């Protein structure tokens, strides 16, 4: 869900996705590249992301990821599921008091 959300901002390469997630979480969550790249490949295999090789400002070719229409639909599903989960946890916490 986090990767799909970051990619909604526009085409972005894998390293920048990891940096953006860490920036948002202020390093609270450490996203290892060994976890990020397999996740990107799975999302691409599912048709939720499309990838294109191009040269960024650094000059080295990088794989840039963009959200597909199927990926946008899946992000909506994931966001609804996340909201349901957080609501359920909130209910449990309120009941426990």
N, C-alpha and C. Protein backbone atom coordinates (compact mmCIF):
# COMPACT_ATOMS: atom_id res chain seq x y z
N UNK A 1 0.83 -1.18 0.00
CA UNK A 1 0.00 0.00 0.00
C UNK A 1 0.88 1.25 0.00
N UNK A 2 1.94 1.24 0.81
CA UNK A 2 2.80 2.42 0.90
C UNK A 2 3.50 2.70 -0.43
N UNK A 3 3.98 1.65 -1.05
CA UNK A 3 4.65 1.82 -2.33
C UNK A 3 3.68 2.36 -3.37
N UNK A 4 2.51 1.78 -3.45
CA UNK A 4 1.51 2.25 -4.41
C UNK A 4 1.17 3.72 -4.17
N UNK A 5 1.06 4.10 -2.91
CA UNK A 5 0.72 5.49 -2.57
C UNK A 5 1.83 6.44 -3.01
N UNK A 6 3.08 6.07 -2.76
CA UNK A 6 4.20 6.93 -3.16
C UNK A 6 4.26 7.08 -4.67
N UNK A 7 3.97 6.01 -5.39
CA UNK A 7 4.05 6.05 -6.85
C UNK A 7 2.91 6.86 -7.46
N UNK A 8 1.85 7.13 -6.71
CA UNK A 8 0.76 7.95 -7.26
C UNK A 8 1.22 9.37 -7.60
N UNK A 9 2.32 9.80 -7.01
CA UNK A 9 2.83 11.15 -7.25
C UNK A 9 3.44 11.29 -8.64
N UNK A 10 3.72 10.17 -9.29
CA UNK A 10 4.30 10.21 -10.63
C UNK A 10 5.43 9.21 -10.73
N UNK A 11 5.95 9.00 -11.93
CA UNK A 11 7.02 8.03 -12.13
C UNK A 11 8.21 8.31 -11.20
N UNK A 12 8.70 7.25 -10.58
CA UNK A 12 9.76 7.39 -9.59
C UNK A 12 10.59 6.11 -9.58
N UNK A 13 11.90 6.25 -9.38
CA UNK A 13 12.74 5.05 -9.38
C UNK A 13 12.78 4.43 -7.99
N UNK A 14 13.18 3.17 -7.95
CA UNK A 14 13.11 2.38 -6.73
C UNK A 14 13.80 3.01 -5.53
N UNK A 15 15.02 3.50 -5.73
CA UNK A 15 15.75 4.10 -4.62
C UNK A 15 15.00 5.30 -4.05
N UNK A 16 14.41 6.11 -4.94
CA UNK A 16 13.66 7.29 -4.50
C UNK A 16 12.39 6.88 -3.75
N UNK A 17 11.79 5.76 -4.13
CA UNK A 17 10.62 5.26 -3.41
C UNK A 17 11.01 4.97 -1.97
N UNK A 18 12.10 4.23 -1.79
CA UNK A 18 12.58 3.92 -0.45
C UNK A 18 12.91 5.16 0.35
N UNK A 19 13.57 6.11 -0.27
CA UNK A 19 13.93 7.36 0.40
C UNK A 19 12.69 8.13 0.82
N UNK A 20 11.69 8.17 -0.06
CA UNK A 20 10.45 8.91 0.23
C UNK A 20 9.71 8.28 1.40
N UNK A 21 9.63 6.96 1.42
CA UNK A 21 8.95 6.28 2.53
C UNK A 21 9.69 6.56 3.84
N UNK A 22 11.00 6.47 3.83
CA UNK A 22 11.77 6.76 5.04
C UNK A 22 11.62 8.21 5.46
N UNK A 23 11.57 9.13 4.50
CA UNK A 23 11.38 10.55 4.80
C UNK A 23 10.03 10.79 5.46
N UNK A 24 8.99 10.17 4.92
CA UNK A 24 7.65 10.34 5.47
C UNK A 24 7.59 9.82 6.90
N UNK A 25 8.21 8.66 7.12
CA UNK A 25 8.18 8.05 8.45
C UNK A 25 9.28 8.57 9.36
N UNK A 26 10.03 9.55 8.86
CA UNK A 26 11.13 10.14 9.65
C UNK A 26 12.03 9.06 10.23
N UNK A 27 12.37 8.10 9.39
CA UNK A 27 13.26 6.99 9.74
C UNK A 27 12.71 6.09 10.84
N UNK A 28 11.40 6.21 11.18
CA UNK A 28 10.78 5.32 12.15
C UNK A 28 10.75 3.90 11.60
N UNK A 29 10.47 3.78 10.31
CA UNK A 29 10.50 2.49 9.64
C UNK A 29 11.71 2.48 8.72
N UNK A 30 12.55 1.49 8.86
CA UNK A 30 13.71 1.33 7.99
C UNK A 30 13.35 0.34 6.89
N UNK A 31 13.27 0.83 5.69
CA UNK A 31 12.90 0.01 4.54
C UNK A 31 14.18 -0.47 3.86
N UNK A 32 14.45 -1.74 3.97
CA UNK A 32 15.65 -2.32 3.38
C UNK A 32 15.46 -2.50 1.88
N UNK A 33 16.50 -2.20 1.11
CA UNK A 33 16.41 -2.38 -0.33
C UNK A 33 16.18 -3.84 -0.69
N UNK A 34 16.65 -4.75 0.16
CA UNK A 34 16.41 -6.17 -0.07
C UNK A 34 14.95 -6.55 0.04
N UNK A 35 14.15 -5.71 0.68
CA UNK A 35 12.70 -5.92 0.76
C UNK A 35 11.97 -5.11 -0.30
N UNK A 36 12.48 -3.92 -0.58
CA UNK A 36 11.81 -3.01 -1.49
C UNK A 36 11.77 -3.55 -2.92
N UNK A 37 12.91 -3.96 -3.44
CA UNK A 37 12.96 -4.36 -4.85
C UNK A 37 12.15 -5.62 -5.14
N UNK A 38 12.18 -6.65 -4.28
CA UNK A 38 11.26 -7.78 -4.54
C UNK A 38 9.80 -7.35 -4.50
N UNK A 39 9.45 -6.42 -3.60
CA UNK A 39 8.07 -5.92 -3.54
C UNK A 39 7.71 -5.19 -4.84
N UNK A 40 8.63 -4.38 -5.35
CA UNK A 40 8.38 -3.68 -6.62
C UNK A 40 8.16 -4.67 -7.75
N UNK A 41 8.95 -5.72 -7.78
CA UNK A 41 8.78 -6.74 -8.83
C UNK A 41 7.44 -7.46 -8.70
N UNK A 42 7.02 -7.75 -7.47
CA UNK A 42 5.71 -8.40 -7.28
C UNK A 42 4.58 -7.48 -7.75
N UNK A 43 4.67 -6.20 -7.41
CA UNK A 43 3.64 -5.25 -7.82
C UNK A 43 3.60 -5.11 -9.34
N UNK A 44 4.78 -5.16 -9.95
CA UNK A 44 4.85 -5.09 -11.40
C UNK A 44 4.27 -6.37 -12.02
N UNK A 45 4.59 -7.54 -11.45
CA UNK A 45 4.07 -8.81 -11.95
C UNK A 45 2.55 -8.87 -11.85
N UNK A 46 1.99 -8.24 -10.84
CA UNK A 46 0.53 -8.22 -10.66
C UNK A 46 -0.16 -7.20 -11.56
N UNK A 47 0.63 -6.39 -12.24
CA UNK A 47 0.06 -5.40 -13.14
C UNK A 47 -0.33 -4.11 -12.45
N UNK A 48 0.11 -3.92 -11.22
CA UNK A 48 -0.25 -2.71 -10.46
C UNK A 48 0.74 -1.57 -10.72
N UNK A 49 1.94 -1.93 -11.14
CA UNK A 49 2.95 -0.95 -11.52
C UNK A 49 3.46 -1.30 -12.91
N UNK A 50 3.85 -0.27 -13.65
CA UNK A 50 4.57 -0.49 -14.90
C UNK A 50 5.93 0.16 -14.73
N UNK A 51 6.91 -0.39 -15.40
CA UNK A 51 8.27 0.11 -15.24
C UNK A 51 8.88 0.44 -16.59
N UNK A 52 9.75 1.44 -16.55
CA UNK A 52 10.43 1.87 -17.77
C UNK A 52 11.85 2.31 -17.39
N UNK A 53 12.82 1.83 -18.14
CA UNK A 53 14.20 2.24 -17.91
C UNK A 53 14.43 3.60 -18.55
N UNK A 54 15.04 4.52 -17.79
CA UNK A 54 15.44 5.81 -18.34
C UNK A 54 16.54 6.40 -17.48
N UNK A 55 17.17 7.43 -17.98
CA UNK A 55 18.28 8.06 -17.27
C UNK A 55 17.76 9.21 -16.40
N UNK A 56 17.96 9.13 -15.09
CA UNK A 56 17.59 10.26 -14.21
C UNK A 56 18.66 11.34 -14.27
N UNK A 57 18.55 12.33 -13.41
CA UNK A 57 19.51 13.43 -13.38
C UNK A 57 20.93 12.94 -13.10
N UNK A 58 21.08 11.82 -12.39
CA UNK A 58 22.40 11.31 -12.04
C UNK A 58 23.13 10.74 -13.25
N UNK A 59 22.40 10.48 -14.33
CA UNK A 59 23.03 9.99 -15.54
C UNK A 59 23.02 8.48 -15.69
N UNK A 60 22.86 7.73 -14.62
CA UNK A 60 22.82 6.27 -14.69
C UNK A 60 21.39 5.83 -14.96
N UNK A 61 21.24 4.84 -15.83
CA UNK A 61 19.89 4.34 -16.11
C UNK A 61 19.27 3.76 -14.84
N UNK A 62 17.99 4.01 -14.66
CA UNK A 62 17.25 3.51 -13.51
C UNK A 62 15.87 3.10 -13.99
N UNK A 63 15.29 2.15 -13.28
CA UNK A 63 13.94 1.68 -13.60
C UNK A 63 12.95 2.58 -12.87
N UNK A 64 12.12 3.28 -13.63
CA UNK A 64 11.11 4.18 -13.06
C UNK A 64 9.77 3.46 -13.06
N UNK A 65 9.09 3.56 -11.93
CA UNK A 65 7.81 2.88 -11.74
C UNK A 65 6.67 3.89 -11.79
N UNK A 66 5.57 3.47 -12.39
CA UNK A 66 4.36 4.30 -12.44
C UNK A 66 3.16 3.41 -12.13
N UNK A 67 2.15 4.01 -11.55
CA UNK A 67 0.93 3.29 -11.19
C UNK A 67 0.09 3.02 -12.44
N UNK A 68 -0.42 1.83 -12.56
CA UNK A 68 -1.33 1.49 -13.66
C UNK A 68 -2.77 1.72 -13.20
N UNK A 69 -3.72 1.74 -14.12
CA UNK A 69 -5.13 1.83 -13.69
C UNK A 69 -5.51 0.69 -12.73
N UNK A 70 -5.01 -0.51 -13.01
CA UNK A 70 -5.26 -1.64 -12.12
C UNK A 70 -4.63 -1.39 -10.74
N UNK A 71 -3.46 -0.75 -10.73
CA UNK A 71 -2.80 -0.42 -9.47
C UNK A 71 -3.57 0.63 -8.68
N UNK A 72 -4.16 1.58 -9.37
CA UNK A 72 -4.96 2.60 -8.68
C UNK A 72 -6.17 1.97 -8.02
N UNK A 73 -6.81 1.03 -8.72
CA UNK A 73 -7.95 0.31 -8.12
C UNK A 73 -7.50 -0.48 -6.90
N UNK A 74 -6.35 -1.13 -7.01
CA UNK A 74 -5.85 -1.92 -5.88
C UNK A 74 -5.49 -1.01 -4.71
N UNK A 75 -4.94 0.15 -4.99
CA UNK A 75 -4.64 1.10 -3.91
C UNK A 75 -5.92 1.49 -3.18
N UNK A 76 -6.99 1.73 -3.92
CA UNK A 76 -8.27 2.05 -3.29
C UNK A 76 -8.73 0.91 -2.38
N UNK A 77 -8.58 -0.33 -2.85
CA UNK A 77 -8.93 -1.50 -2.04
C UNK A 77 -8.08 -1.54 -0.77
N UNK A 78 -6.78 -1.35 -0.94
CA UNK A 78 -5.85 -1.40 0.20
C UNK A 78 -6.16 -0.30 1.22
N UNK A 79 -6.48 0.88 0.73
CA UNK A 79 -6.81 1.99 1.63
C UNK A 79 -8.09 1.71 2.41
N UNK A 80 -9.09 1.13 1.74
CA UNK A 80 -10.33 0.76 2.44
C UNK A 80 -10.06 -0.31 3.49
N UNK A 81 -9.25 -1.32 3.13
CA UNK A 81 -8.90 -2.37 4.09
C UNK A 81 -8.15 -1.79 5.28
N UNK A 82 -7.23 -0.87 5.03
CA UNK A 82 -6.47 -0.24 6.11
C UNK A 82 -7.41 0.54 7.03
N UNK A 83 -8.34 1.26 6.45
CA UNK A 83 -9.30 2.03 7.25
C UNK A 83 -10.15 1.10 8.11
N UNK A 84 -10.59 0.00 7.56
CA UNK A 84 -11.38 -0.97 8.33
C UNK A 84 -10.56 -1.55 9.47
N UNK A 85 -9.30 -1.85 9.20
CA UNK A 85 -8.43 -2.39 10.25
C UNK A 85 -8.19 -1.38 11.36
N UNK A 86 -7.90 -0.14 10.99
CA UNK A 86 -7.65 0.87 12.02
C UNK A 86 -8.91 1.16 12.82
N UNK A 87 -10.08 1.13 12.18
CA UNK A 87 -11.33 1.32 12.90
C UNK A 87 -11.57 0.17 13.89
N UNK A 88 -11.28 -1.05 13.46
CA UNK A 88 -11.46 -2.22 14.33
C UNK A 88 -10.52 -2.14 15.53
N UNK A 89 -9.28 -1.77 15.29
CA UNK A 89 -8.32 -1.65 16.40
C UNK A 89 -8.76 -0.55 17.36
N UNK A 90 -9.24 0.56 16.82
CA UNK A 90 -9.71 1.66 17.67
C UNK A 90 -10.88 1.20 18.53
N UNK A 91 -11.80 0.43 17.96
CA UNK A 91 -12.94 -0.09 18.74
C UNK A 91 -12.46 -1.00 19.87
N UNK A 92 -11.52 -1.84 19.57
CA UNK A 92 -10.97 -2.74 20.60
C UNK A 92 -10.32 -1.92 21.71
N UNK A 93 -9.54 -0.94 21.35
CA UNK A 93 -8.85 -0.12 22.35
C UNK A 93 -9.84 0.67 23.20
N UNK A 94 -10.90 1.18 22.59
CA UNK A 94 -11.92 1.91 23.34
C UNK A 94 -12.69 0.99 24.28
N UNK A 95 -12.96 -0.21 23.82
CA UNK A 95 -13.70 -1.18 24.63
C UNK A 95 -12.87 -1.65 25.81
N UNK A 96 -11.58 -1.74 25.63
CA UNK A 96 -10.69 -2.24 26.68
C UNK A 96 -10.53 -1.25 27.82
N UNK A 97 -10.92 -0.01 27.64
CA UNK A 97 -10.72 1.00 28.70
C UNK A 97 -11.79 0.92 29.77
